[in-house]
Amino acid sequence: MTQQPWKDKVGNPAQIGGIETSILDNGIGRGTRIAWINTGTGFRYKVVLDRAMDIFDAFYNQHSLAWLNHTGITPPEPFSDKGADWLRTFGGGLLITCGLSHVGGPETDAFGERGVHGKISNSPAEIESIIQPDPMLGKLEMSITGRIKETKIFGPSLELKRTISGTIGQPTIRIHDEVTNRGNTSAPHMLLYHFNFGWPLVDEGTDIIWKGNWEAREGGINDRIFREGNDFKKCPAPLEDHNGTGEAVASIDVTPDSSGLCTVGLHNAQLGVALALRFQKSQLPWFINWQHWGKGEYVTGLEPATNPLIGQAKARERNELLFLEPGGTRTYDLELEILTEQAAIGEFLKIQQT
């Protein structure tokens, strides 16, 4: 192993990085469990253990990466599952998990009533393990693993086992998810990773990186952004018509590389920083780009998903809804990496040219 610069200079691994858990003690989020993860590279982020192990704050050096809504972190509210109630607890953050059985707007059909983006993000995790790095022994990996349940008597009963991991010295997040049907009947399954990015990473002139055939969501002002001839991959200044409920959304059949890996992300040339988000096409065949350029609510979402943003009812109608049989499991792997070296950024930007 190559000798590391901290050899014989550090006794406590926390001086370099690692995982620290705590409980918020003030404001609306009081009592909520969190974990700060420090990669030792200037890249650090906060995992909200009581909100499906989603990720809230995220920073690279002095730069914030995530968009944070006015709400901030709230405790889990498991009964915020009717209509648009989900929006009341949507604090933004780097990652909000949507599903496990419904993704999209509120809807009601013969199979039940479903609120915006499902229930899982309002569910606390049971933490199974925390593995700290031990640089003195050459162990640079760290991880935190928990289980989150979406269940009720008579079913369906789905469980998300999530591991968030990283390596000291690498500005990277790895997410490994396993969704299992713990019930005794077949269960519908939809999943969307709602990554939300904000200023200063997202700023006027920041490039949004993805490639694939796209379709704007119907209605509203979607076609004001997602239309032929408009450079909707270049972040604009705040837009008046995006104040309030103004937003634009497109579903993208993202193009993978020869190995089936999809890469999307952002590039802020002024900061000299790019962010690459990678996932497998076979696991997450769709990708959503959300753009909401309101004043004080300036955000773009990059959202790998199992389905376009159509909801369970429409997916069922199209025969595109996934089902997990009893004991069945689907796995998902994502990686988020911060890029600052010009050679690495150059390779990343080739995605849109191939």
Protein backbone atom coordinates (compact mmCIF):
# COMPACT_ATOMS: atom_id res chain seq x y z
CA MET A 1 0.00 0.00 0.00
CA THR A 2 1.24 3.49 -0.88
CA GLN A 3 2.34 5.40 2.20
CA GLN A 4 -0.30 7.94 3.16
CA PRO A 5 0.55 11.54 4.15
CA TRP A 6 -0.95 11.12 7.62
CA LYS A 7 1.32 8.20 8.58
CA ASP A 8 2.77 8.72 12.08
CA LYS A 9 1.06 12.12 12.31
CA VAL A 10 -2.50 11.21 13.33
CA GLY A 11 -3.69 9.14 16.28
CA ASN A 12 -7.47 9.60 16.12
CA PRO A 13 -8.99 8.68 12.71
CA ALA A 14 -11.69 11.34 13.19
CA GLN A 15 -8.97 13.92 12.54
CA ILE A 16 -9.04 12.75 8.91
CA GLY A 17 -12.69 11.79 8.43
CA GLY A 18 -15.37 9.28 9.33
CA ILE A 19 -18.96 9.04 10.54
CA GLU A 20 -20.40 10.95 13.50
CA THR A 21 -24.00 10.42 14.67
CA SER A 22 -26.03 12.89 16.70
CA ILE A 23 -29.55 14.20 17.38
CA LEU A 24 -30.84 17.64 16.40
CA ASP A 25 -31.90 19.59 19.48
CA ASN A 26 -33.48 22.78 18.12
CA GLY A 27 -36.09 23.96 15.64
CA ILE A 28 -38.67 21.97 13.71
CA GLY A 29 -36.31 19.00 13.34
CA ARG A 30 -35.68 18.62 17.09
CA GLY A 31 -35.18 14.99 18.07
CA THR A 32 -34.27 13.82 14.56
CA ARG A 33 -31.26 11.47 14.28
CA ILE A 34 -28.53 12.40 11.80
CA ALA A 35 -25.06 11.25 10.77
CA TRP A 36 -22.33 13.54 9.44
CA ILE A 37 -20.00 11.79 7.00
CA ASN A 38 -16.63 13.38 6.25
CA THR A 39 -14.57 11.94 3.38
CA GLY A 40 -11.43 13.90 4.33
CA THR A 41 -11.38 15.60 0.92
CA GLY A 42 -13.47 18.69 1.64
CA PHE A 43 -16.58 16.66 0.66
CA ARG A 44 -18.89 16.10 3.63
CA TYR A 45 -22.62 15.47 3.96
CA LYS A 46 -25.42 14.84 6.45
CA VAL A 47 -27.51 11.65 6.42
CA VAL A 48 -30.95 11.98 8.06
CA LEU A 49 -31.37 8.60 9.73
CA ASP A 50 -35.00 9.25 10.64
CA ARG A 51 -35.93 10.14 7.06
CA ALA A 52 -35.08 6.92 5.16
CA MET A 53 -31.34 7.69 5.46
CA ASP A 54 -31.78 10.46 2.92
CA ILE A 55 -29.05 13.09 2.56
CA PHE A 56 -29.62 16.75 3.48
CA ASP A 57 -26.67 19.17 3.63
CA ALA A 58 -23.69 18.47 1.36
CA PHE A 59 -20.57 20.60 0.90
CA TYR A 60 -17.37 20.55 -1.11
CA ASN A 61 -14.87 22.85 0.59
CA GLN A 62 -16.79 26.11 1.11
CA HIS A 63 -19.34 25.35 -1.60
CA SER A 64 -22.81 24.05 -0.83
CA LEU A 65 -23.97 21.42 -3.32
CA ALA A 66 -27.54 20.75 -2.23
CA TRP A 67 -30.69 22.82 -2.48
CA LEU A 68 -32.36 23.32 0.91
CA ASN A 69 -36.03 24.28 1.08
CA HIS A 70 -37.37 26.73 3.69
CA THR A 71 -38.73 23.77 5.66
CA GLY A 72 -35.37 22.28 6.58
CA ILE A 73 -35.19 18.89 8.27
CA THR A 74 -38.44 17.70 9.80
CA PRO A 75 -39.13 14.60 11.88
CA PRO A 76 -40.74 11.72 9.98
CA GLU A 77 -44.49 12.11 9.51
CA PRO A 78 -45.68 8.67 8.38
CA PHE A 79 -49.24 9.85 7.76
CA SER A 80 -48.23 12.61 5.34
CA ASP A 81 -49.34 10.30 2.56
CA LYS A 82 -52.54 11.92 1.29
CA GLY A 83 -52.82 14.30 -1.62
CA ALA A 84 -49.97 16.81 -1.64
CA ASP A 85 -49.18 16.50 2.10
CA TRP A 86 -45.70 15.18 1.18
CA LEU A 87 -44.75 18.72 0.15
CA ARG A 88 -45.19 19.90 3.76
CA THR A 89 -42.23 17.79 4.86
CA PHE A 90 -40.15 18.15 1.68
CA GLY A 91 -37.12 20.00 3.01
CA GLY A 92 -35.06 19.57 -0.13
CA GLY A 93 -31.56 18.28 0.53
CA LEU A 94 -29.14 16.39 -1.67
CA LEU A 95 -31.34 13.26 -1.83
CA ILE A 96 -34.96 12.46 -1.10
CA THR A 97 -36.07 8.87 -1.77
CA CYS A 98 -39.48 8.53 -3.47
CA GLY A 99 -41.45 5.28 -3.45
CA LEU A 100 -41.34 2.41 -2.66
CA SER A 101 -44.65 1.66 -4.35
CA HIS A 102 -45.61 5.00 -5.94
CA VAL A 103 -43.76 7.88 -7.61
CA GLY A 104 -45.56 10.91 -9.01
CA GLY A 105 -48.54 13.08 -8.14
CA PRO A 106 -51.50 12.19 -5.92
CA GLU A 107 -53.95 9.70 -7.40
CA THR A 108 -56.82 7.37 -6.56
CA ASP A 109 -57.93 4.27 -8.42
CA ALA A 110 -59.41 0.83 -7.78
CA PHE A 111 -56.17 -0.19 -6.07
CA GLY A 112 -56.17 2.60 -3.49
CA GLU A 113 -55.25 6.20 -2.74
CA ARG A 114 -51.67 7.43 -3.09
CA GLY A 115 -50.10 10.75 -2.14
CA VAL A 116 -47.23 12.58 -3.82
CA HIS A 117 -44.09 10.42 -4.18
CA GLY A 118 -45.08 7.72 -1.72
CA LYS A 119 -44.30 7.06 1.94
CA ILE A 120 -40.72 5.91 2.34
CA SER A 121 -39.08 9.30 2.94
CA ASN A 122 -41.24 9.75 6.04
CA SER A 123 -39.98 6.52 7.62
CA PRO A 124 -37.10 6.18 10.13
CA ALA A 125 -34.29 3.69 9.69
CA GLU A 126 -33.25 0.93 12.05
CA ILE A 127 -29.46 1.24 11.96
CA GLU A 128 -27.71 -2.11 11.63
CA SER A 129 -24.08 -1.11 11.42
CA ILE A 130 -21.60 1.74 11.31
CA ILE A 131 -18.15 0.86 10.03
CA GLN A 132 -15.52 3.50 10.69
CA PRO A 133 -12.28 3.89 8.73
CA ASP A 134 -9.01 2.97 10.42
CA PRO A 135 -6.24 4.59 8.38
CA MET A 136 -3.50 3.34 10.73
CA LEU A 137 -4.41 -0.23 9.70
CA GLY A 138 -4.89 0.71 6.06
CA LYS A 139 -8.70 0.48 6.28
CA LEU A 140 -10.01 3.50 4.41
CA GLU A 141 -13.58 2.30 3.74
CA MET A 142 -16.50 3.51 5.86
CA SER A 143 -20.22 2.77 5.72
CA ILE A 144 -23.55 3.03 7.47
CA THR A 145 -26.36 0.50 6.91
CA GLY A 146 -30.00 0.59 7.96
CA ARG A 147 -33.43 -0.85 7.19
CA ILE A 148 -36.52 1.21 6.43
CA LYS A 149 -40.02 -0.30 6.27
CA GLU A 150 -43.11 0.56 4.26
CA THR A 151 -45.61 -1.87 5.72
CA LYS A 152 -49.08 -2.48 7.14
CA ILE A 153 -51.22 -5.44 8.15
CA PHE A 154 -52.66 -7.29 5.12
CA GLY A 155 -49.83 -5.78 3.03
CA PRO A 156 -48.12 -4.62 1.06
CA SER A 157 -44.94 -4.93 3.11
CA LEU A 158 -41.78 -3.57 1.49
CA GLU A 159 -38.40 -3.05 3.12
CA LEU A 160 -35.49 -0.91 1.97
CA LYS A 161 -32.03 -1.94 3.15
CA ARG A 162 -29.68 0.97 2.45
CA THR A 163 -25.90 1.17 2.71
CA ILE A 164 -24.17 4.51 2.22
CA SER A 165 -20.42 4.14 1.91
CA GLY A 166 -17.27 5.95 0.94
CA THR A 167 -13.50 5.93 1.10
CA ILE A 168 -11.27 8.30 3.02
CA GLY A 169 -9.45 10.45 0.48
CA GLN A 170 -12.08 10.12 -2.26
CA PRO A 171 -14.86 12.75 -2.80
CA THR A 172 -17.48 10.10 -3.50
CA ILE A 173 -20.79 8.78 -2.13
CA ARG A 174 -21.84 5.22 -2.93
CA ILE A 175 -25.42 4.09 -2.32
CA HIS A 176 -26.42 0.42 -2.40
CA ASP A 177 -30.15 -0.25 -1.93
CA GLU A 178 -32.04 -3.52 -1.68
CA VAL A 179 -35.84 -3.45 -1.82
CA THR A 180 -37.47 -6.67 -0.59
CA ASN A 181 -41.09 -7.78 -0.45
CA ARG A 182 -41.52 -9.07 3.12
CA GLY A 183 -45.21 -9.76 2.60
CA ASN A 184 -47.05 -12.82 1.32
CA THR A 185 -48.62 -11.26 -1.78
CA SER A 186 -47.25 -9.58 -4.88
CA ALA A 187 -46.51 -5.86 -4.33
CA PRO A 188 -46.22 -2.95 -6.81
CA HIS A 189 -42.85 -1.20 -6.78
CA MET A 190 -41.67 2.20 -8.03
CA LEU A 191 -38.55 4.10 -6.99
CA LEU A 192 -37.08 7.51 -7.75
CA TYR A 193 -33.90 9.12 -6.38
CA HIS A 194 -34.76 12.82 -6.05
CA PHE A 195 -31.31 14.49 -6.07
CA ASN A 196 -31.64 18.27 -5.59
CA PHE A 197 -28.83 20.69 -6.40
CA GLY A 198 -28.59 24.38 -5.60
CA TRP A 199 -26.37 27.46 -5.45
CA PRO A 200 -23.44 27.91 -5.81
CA LEU A 201 -22.93 24.65 -7.72
CA VAL A 202 -26.10 25.47 -9.64
CA ASP A 203 -25.81 29.02 -10.87
CA GLU A 204 -26.44 31.07 -14.00
CA GLY A 205 -24.33 29.37 -16.68
CA THR A 206 -23.94 25.98 -14.96
CA ASP A 207 -24.24 23.14 -17.47
CA ILE A 208 -26.70 20.31 -16.85
CA ILE A 209 -25.16 17.13 -18.24
CA TRP A 210 -27.25 14.28 -19.63
CA LYS A 211 -27.92 12.61 -22.96
CA GLY A 212 -30.98 10.80 -24.20
CA ASN A 213 -34.37 11.15 -25.84
CA TRP A 214 -36.66 13.33 -23.74
CA GLU A 215 -40.31 14.26 -23.39
CA ALA A 216 -41.65 17.26 -21.47
CA ARG A 217 -44.40 16.69 -18.95
CA GLU A 218 -47.77 17.77 -20.30
CA GLY A 219 -49.41 21.01 -19.20
CA GLY A 220 -48.21 23.99 -17.22
CA ILE A 221 -45.14 25.86 -18.46
CA ASN A 222 -43.06 22.76 -19.19
CA ASP A 223 -42.73 23.55 -22.90
CA ARG A 224 -41.36 27.01 -22.06
CA ILE A 225 -38.17 25.24 -20.93
CA PHE A 226 -38.17 21.83 -22.60
CA ARG A 227 -38.66 22.73 -26.26
CA GLU A 228 -36.53 22.37 -29.34
CA GLY A 229 -34.32 25.41 -29.84
CA ASN A 230 -34.08 26.30 -26.15
CA ASP A 231 -30.83 25.55 -24.32
CA PHE A 232 -32.49 23.83 -21.36
CA LYS A 233 -29.16 22.31 -20.30
CA LYS A 234 -27.78 25.73 -19.33
CA CYS A 235 -28.99 27.06 -15.97
CA PRO A 236 -30.67 30.47 -16.34
CA ALA A 237 -31.01 33.39 -13.93
CA PRO A 238 -34.07 33.18 -11.64
CA LEU A 239 -37.29 33.27 -13.69
CA GLU A 240 -40.40 35.22 -12.75
CA ASP A 241 -42.73 32.55 -14.12
CA HIS A 242 -41.07 29.96 -11.86
CA ASN A 243 -42.09 31.81 -8.70
CA GLY A 244 -44.74 29.95 -6.72
CA THR A 245 -45.63 26.69 -8.46
CA GLY A 246 -43.70 27.40 -11.69
CA GLU A 247 -41.56 24.43 -12.73
CA ALA A 248 -40.56 22.36 -15.74
CA VAL A 249 -40.08 18.59 -15.85
CA ALA A 250 -38.87 16.20 -18.53
CA SER A 251 -38.59 12.41 -18.56
CA ILE A 252 -35.43 11.20 -20.30
CA ASP A 253 -34.61 7.79 -21.72
CA VAL A 254 -30.99 8.33 -20.72
CA THR A 255 -28.25 6.93 -22.96
CA PRO A 256 -25.84 4.47 -21.25
CA ASP A 257 -22.25 3.65 -22.18
CA SER A 258 -21.20 0.27 -23.60
CA SER A 259 -21.27 -1.30 -20.13
CA GLY A 260 -24.79 -0.08 -19.34
CA LEU A 261 -23.62 2.72 -17.03
CA CYS A 262 -25.49 6.03 -17.18
CA THR A 263 -23.71 9.24 -16.16
CA VAL A 264 -25.43 12.59 -15.61
CA GLY A 265 -24.48 15.63 -13.59
CA LEU A 266 -23.51 19.30 -13.45
CA HIS A 267 -20.51 21.42 -14.41
CA ASN A 268 -19.85 24.87 -12.99
CA ALA A 269 -16.89 26.20 -14.99
CA GLN A 270 -16.62 29.31 -12.83
CA LEU A 271 -16.04 27.21 -9.70
CA GLY A 272 -13.99 24.61 -11.56
CA VAL A 273 -16.21 21.88 -10.10
CA ALA A 274 -18.26 19.14 -11.74
CA LEU A 275 -20.54 16.59 -10.12
CA ALA A 276 -21.06 13.20 -11.74
CA LEU A 277 -23.98 10.94 -10.84
CA ARG A 278 -23.76 7.35 -12.09
CA PHE A 279 -26.29 4.51 -12.12
CA GLN A 280 -27.07 1.34 -14.06
CA LYS A 281 -29.55 1.52 -16.93
CA SER A 282 -30.73 -2.01 -16.15
CA GLN A 283 -31.70 -0.96 -12.62
CA LEU A 284 -32.95 2.58 -13.27
CA PRO A 285 -33.89 2.91 -16.95
CA TRP A 286 -35.40 6.40 -16.65
CA PHE A 287 -34.13 9.81 -15.61
CA ILE A 288 -36.07 12.95 -14.64
CA ASN A 289 -34.78 16.51 -14.92
CA TRP A 290 -36.70 18.95 -12.69
CA GLN A 291 -36.07 22.67 -13.14
CA HIS A 292 -37.53 25.20 -10.69
CA TRP A 293 -35.86 28.59 -11.11
CA GLY A 294 -37.99 30.63 -8.71
CA LYS A 295 -36.52 33.48 -6.68
CA GLY A 296 -35.22 32.01 -3.42
CA GLU A 297 -36.24 28.54 -4.67
CA TYR A 298 -33.55 28.03 -7.30
CA VAL A 299 -33.00 24.34 -7.91
CA THR A 300 -32.59 21.59 -10.45
CA GLY A 301 -33.30 17.94 -9.75
CA LEU A 302 -31.45 15.02 -11.37
CA GLU A 303 -33.57 11.96 -10.65
CA PRO A 304 -32.83 8.37 -11.73
CA ALA A 305 -36.00 6.29 -11.65
CA THR A 306 -37.62 2.96 -12.42
CA ASN A 307 -40.34 4.69 -14.47
CA PRO A 308 -41.13 7.99 -16.15
CA LEU A 309 -42.89 10.45 -13.83
CA ILE A 310 -46.36 9.02 -14.51
CA GLY A 311 -47.53 7.49 -11.22
CA GLN A 312 -48.60 3.99 -10.33
CA ALA A 313 -51.98 4.12 -12.05
CA LYS A 314 -50.57 5.15 -15.44
CA ALA A 315 -47.69 2.68 -15.15
CA ARG A 316 -50.20 -0.08 -14.43
CA GLU A 317 -52.31 1.00 -17.39
CA ARG A 318 -49.26 0.87 -19.68
CA ASN A 319 -48.24 -2.51 -18.28
CA GLU A 320 -44.97 -0.91 -17.09
CA LEU A 321 -45.50 -1.24 -13.33
CA LEU A 322 -42.93 -3.42 -11.56
CA PHE A 323 -44.03 -6.06 -9.07
CA LEU A 324 -42.06 -7.82 -6.36
CA GLU A 325 -43.17 -11.32 -5.51
CA PRO A 326 -43.02 -12.49 -1.86
CA GLY A 327 -39.36 -12.71 -0.88
CA GLY A 328 -38.30 -10.99 -4.09
CA THR A 329 -35.57 -8.33 -4.06
CA ARG A 330 -34.41 -5.63 -6.47
CA THR A 331 -31.06 -3.90 -6.00
CA TYR A 332 -29.94 -0.40 -6.95
CA ASP A 333 -26.44 1.09 -7.04
CA LEU A 334 -25.60 4.76 -7.45
CA GLU A 335 -22.41 6.77 -7.14
CA LEU A 336 -21.95 10.51 -6.81
CA GLU A 337 -18.47 11.95 -7.35
CA ILE A 338 -17.02 15.46 -7.17
CA LEU A 339 -14.60 16.25 -10.01
CA THR A 340 -12.04 19.08 -9.88
CA GLU A 341 -9.16 17.85 -12.07
CA GLN A 342 -9.46 19.29 -15.58
CA ALA A 343 -8.68 15.97 -17.26
CA ALA A 344 -11.46 14.22 -15.33
CA ILE A 345 -13.90 17.05 -16.03
CA GLY A 346 -12.99 16.88 -19.72
CA GLU A 347 -13.80 13.18 -19.88
CA PHE A 348 -17.06 13.79 -18.04
CA LEU A 349 -18.14 16.50 -20.50
CA LYS A 350 -17.65 14.12 -23.44
CA ILE A 351 -20.89 12.42 -22.38
CA GLN A 352 -22.95 14.96 -24.29
CA GLN A 353 -20.76 14.63 -27.39
CA THR A 354 -20.86 10.85 -27.87
